[in-house]
Amino acid sequence: MRDRLQSRKCARFLKALADPDRLRIIQCLQSGPKTVTELSQLLENELANVSHHLAVLRHTQLVHDEKVGKYVVYSLNRTIFRPHGRRQTTDTAELGCCRLELGK
């Protein structure tokens, strides 16, 4: 059988997104890049927990990290998360097997 859904790749994305804290991180990053400290404060969650969830999202390439001075700044992978709609009020996550629309 031809796997037109790219099942393994898609399952990795969906597993990474199947956690409420990770979805909240994605929502926070929709407004722009942030450090782990900023995300921790916005989510009112411990730094270690946020770091763990960012590592999972980074491993699946849903988010990018960039060293800026002594900080690491996280942002959405714009090859996956693209602005959508006339007013670009949502991001669409193109996962290959499916598409998720995330409101801003």
C-alpha atoms as a PDB file:
ATOM      1  CA  MET A   1       0.000   0.000   0.000  1.00  0.00           C
ATOM      2  CA  ARG A   2       1.241   3.468  -0.867  1.00  0.00           C
ATOM      3  CA  ASP A   3       1.310   5.671   2.236  1.00  0.00           C
ATOM      4  CA  ARG A   4       0.045   8.936   0.776  1.00  0.00           C
ATOM      5  CA  LEU A   5      -0.562  10.335   4.284  1.00  0.00           C
ATOM      6  CA  GLN A   6       3.083   9.976   5.340  1.00  0.00           C
ATOM      7  CA  SER A   7       1.745   8.227   8.440  1.00  0.00           C
ATOM      8  CA  ARG A   8       4.959   8.127  10.478  1.00  0.00           C
ATOM      9  CA  LYS A   9       5.737  11.799   9.932  1.00  0.00           C
ATOM     10  CA  CYS A  10       2.152  12.822  10.552  1.00  0.00           C
ATOM     11  CA  ALA A  11       1.892  10.744  13.741  1.00  0.00           C
ATOM     12  CA  ARG A  12       5.024  12.463  15.125  1.00  0.00           C
ATOM     13  CA  PHE A  13       3.452  15.894  14.550  1.00  0.00           C
ATOM     14  CA  LEU A  14       0.114  14.873  16.020  1.00  0.00           C
ATOM     15  CA  LYS A  15       1.731  13.295  19.091  1.00  0.00           C
ATOM     16  CA  ALA A  16       3.705  16.475  19.714  1.00  0.00           C
ATOM     17  CA  LEU A  17       0.554  18.582  19.398  1.00  0.00           C
ATOM     18  CA  ALA A  18      -1.585  16.243  21.528  1.00  0.00           C
ATOM     19  CA  ASP A  19      -0.561  17.916  24.773  1.00  0.00           C
ATOM     20  CA  PRO A  20      -2.465  20.940  26.143  1.00  0.00           C
ATOM     21  CA  ASP A  21       0.712  22.708  27.303  1.00  0.00           C
ATOM     22  CA  ARG A  22       2.328  22.339  23.881  1.00  0.00           C
ATOM     23  CA  LEU A  23      -0.772  23.712  22.188  1.00  0.00           C
ATOM     24  CA  ARG A  24      -0.655  26.666  24.571  1.00  0.00           C
ATOM     25  CA  ILE A  25       3.013  27.233  23.632  1.00  0.00           C
ATOM     26  CA  ILE A  26       2.051  27.205  19.942  1.00  0.00           C
ATOM     27  CA  GLN A  27      -0.651  29.784  20.705  1.00  0.00           C
ATOM     28  CA  CYS A  28       1.837  32.016  22.516  1.00  0.00           C
ATOM     29  CA  LEU A  29       4.305  31.804  19.628  1.00  0.00           C
ATOM     30  CA  GLN A  30       1.649  32.858  17.112  1.00  0.00           C
ATOM     31  CA  SER A  31       2.133  36.443  18.270  1.00  0.00           C
ATOM     32  CA  GLY A  32       5.878  36.253  17.678  1.00  0.00           C
ATOM     33  CA  PRO A  33       9.163  34.766  18.923  1.00  0.00           C
ATOM     34  CA  LYS A  34       9.704  34.387  22.664  1.00  0.00           C
ATOM     35  CA  THR A  35      12.277  33.113  25.132  1.00  0.00           C
ATOM     36  CA  VAL A  36      11.585  30.208  27.468  1.00  0.00           C
ATOM     37  CA  THR A  37      11.342  32.702  30.343  1.00  0.00           C
ATOM     38  CA  GLU A  38       8.694  34.748  28.533  1.00  0.00           C
ATOM     39  CA  LEU A  39       6.738  31.593  27.705  1.00  0.00           C
ATOM     40  CA  SER A  40       7.015  30.376  31.289  1.00  0.00           C
ATOM     41  CA  GLN A  41       5.579  33.657  32.563  1.00  0.00           C
ATOM     42  CA  LEU A  42       2.773  33.755  29.992  1.00  0.00           C
ATOM     43  CA  LEU A  43       1.776  30.166  30.697  1.00  0.00           C
ATOM     44  CA  GLU A  44       2.298  30.491  34.448  1.00  0.00           C
ATOM     45  CA  ASN A  45       4.226  27.221  34.283  1.00  0.00           C
ATOM     46  CA  GLU A  46       7.619  26.187  35.623  1.00  0.00           C
ATOM     47  CA  LEU A  47      10.638  26.915  33.452  1.00  0.00           C
ATOM     48  CA  ALA A  48      11.691  23.236  33.415  1.00  0.00           C
ATOM     49  CA  ASN A  49       8.259  22.116  32.167  1.00  0.00           C
ATOM     50  CA  VAL A  50       8.185  24.715  29.413  1.00  0.00           C
ATOM     51  CA  SER A  51      11.734  23.771  28.389  1.00  0.00           C
ATOM     52  CA  HIS A  52      10.727  20.112  28.169  1.00  0.00           C
ATOM     53  CA  HIS A  53       7.724  20.881  25.966  1.00  0.00           C
ATOM     54  CA  LEU A  54       9.821  23.166  23.746  1.00  0.00           C
ATOM     55  CA  ALA A  55      12.339  20.343  23.291  1.00  0.00           C
ATOM     56  CA  VAL A  56       9.571  18.057  22.039  1.00  0.00           C
ATOM     57  CA  LEU A  57       8.270  20.732  19.649  1.00  0.00           C
ATOM     58  CA  ARG A  58      11.820  21.486  18.479  1.00  0.00           C
ATOM     59  CA  HIS A  59      12.592  17.783  17.936  1.00  0.00           C
ATOM     60  CA  THR A  60       9.572  17.461  15.646  1.00  0.00           C
ATOM     61  CA  GLN A  61      10.612  20.705  13.916  1.00  0.00           C
ATOM     62  CA  LEU A  62       7.358  22.465  14.763  1.00  0.00           C
ATOM     63  CA  VAL A  63       9.354  25.294  16.358  1.00  0.00           C
ATOM     64  CA  HIS A  64      12.769  26.779  15.647  1.00  0.00           C
ATOM     65  CA  ASP A  65      15.266  27.986  18.192  1.00  0.00           C
ATOM     66  CA  GLU A  66      17.822  30.713  17.625  1.00  0.00           C
ATOM     67  CA  LYS A  67      20.570  31.863  19.957  1.00  0.00           C
ATOM     68  CA  VAL A  68      20.391  35.639  20.418  1.00  0.00           C
ATOM     69  CA  GLY A  69      23.122  36.790  22.773  1.00  0.00           C
ATOM     70  CA  LYS A  70      22.756  34.774  25.955  1.00  0.00           C
ATOM     71  CA  TYR A  71      19.116  33.864  25.227  1.00  0.00           C
ATOM     72  CA  VAL A  72      17.465  31.244  23.036  1.00  0.00           C
ATOM     73  CA  VAL A  73      14.467  32.586  21.158  1.00  0.00           C
ATOM     74  CA  TYR A  74      11.748  30.209  19.970  1.00  0.00           C
ATOM     75  CA  SER A  75       9.469  30.755  16.994  1.00  0.00           C
ATOM     76  CA  LEU A  76       7.003  28.771  14.917  1.00  0.00           C
ATOM     77  CA  ASN A  77       8.386  26.921  11.923  1.00  0.00           C
ATOM     78  CA  ARG A  78       6.867  29.048   9.153  1.00  0.00           C
ATOM     79  CA  THR A  79       7.202  26.259   6.597  1.00  0.00           C
ATOM     80  CA  ILE A  80       4.567  24.418   8.665  1.00  0.00           C
ATOM     81  CA  PHE A  81       2.595  27.249  10.320  1.00  0.00           C
ATOM     82  CA  ARG A  82       1.423  29.737   7.727  1.00  0.00           C
ATOM     83  CA  PRO A  83      -0.836  32.772   8.114  1.00  0.00           C
ATOM     84  CA  HIS A  84      -4.232  32.025   6.613  1.00  0.00           C
ATOM     85  CA  GLY A  85      -7.331  33.950   5.658  1.00  0.00           C
ATOM     86  CA  ARG A  86      -7.930  37.426   4.326  1.00  0.00           C
ATOM     87  CA  ARG A  87      -7.016  39.121   7.563  1.00  0.00           C
ATOM     88  CA  GLN A  88      -4.557  36.371   8.446  1.00  0.00           C
ATOM     89  CA  THR A  89      -6.329  35.882  11.764  1.00  0.00           C
ATOM     90  CA  THR A  90      -5.431  32.198  11.902  1.00  0.00           C
ATOM     91  CA  ASP A  91      -2.364  30.096  11.291  1.00  0.00           C
ATOM     92  CA  THR A  92      -2.719  26.923   9.288  1.00  0.00           C
ATOM     93  CA  ALA A  93      -0.452  24.047  10.232  1.00  0.00           C
ATOM     94  CA  GLU A  94       0.262  21.994   7.104  1.00  0.00           C
ATOM     95  CA  LEU A  95       1.248  18.597   8.514  1.00  0.00           C
ATOM     96  CA  GLY A  96       1.218  16.640   5.246  1.00  0.00           C
ATOM     97  CA  CYS A  97      -1.509  14.233   6.314  1.00  0.00           C
ATOM     98  CA  CYS A  98      -3.866  16.925   7.548  1.00  0.00           C
ATOM     99  CA  ARG A  99      -4.218  20.625   8.128  1.00  0.00           C
ATOM    100  CA  LEU A 100      -4.957  22.327  11.443  1.00  0.00           C
ATOM    101  CA  GLU A 101      -6.335  25.858  11.669  1.00  0.00           C
ATOM    102  CA  LEU A 102      -5.306  27.674  14.817  1.00  0.00           C
ATOM    103  CA  GLY A 103      -7.148  30.880  15.739  1.00  0.00           C
ATOM    104  CA  LYS A 104      -5.094  33.828  16.943  1.00  0.00           C
END
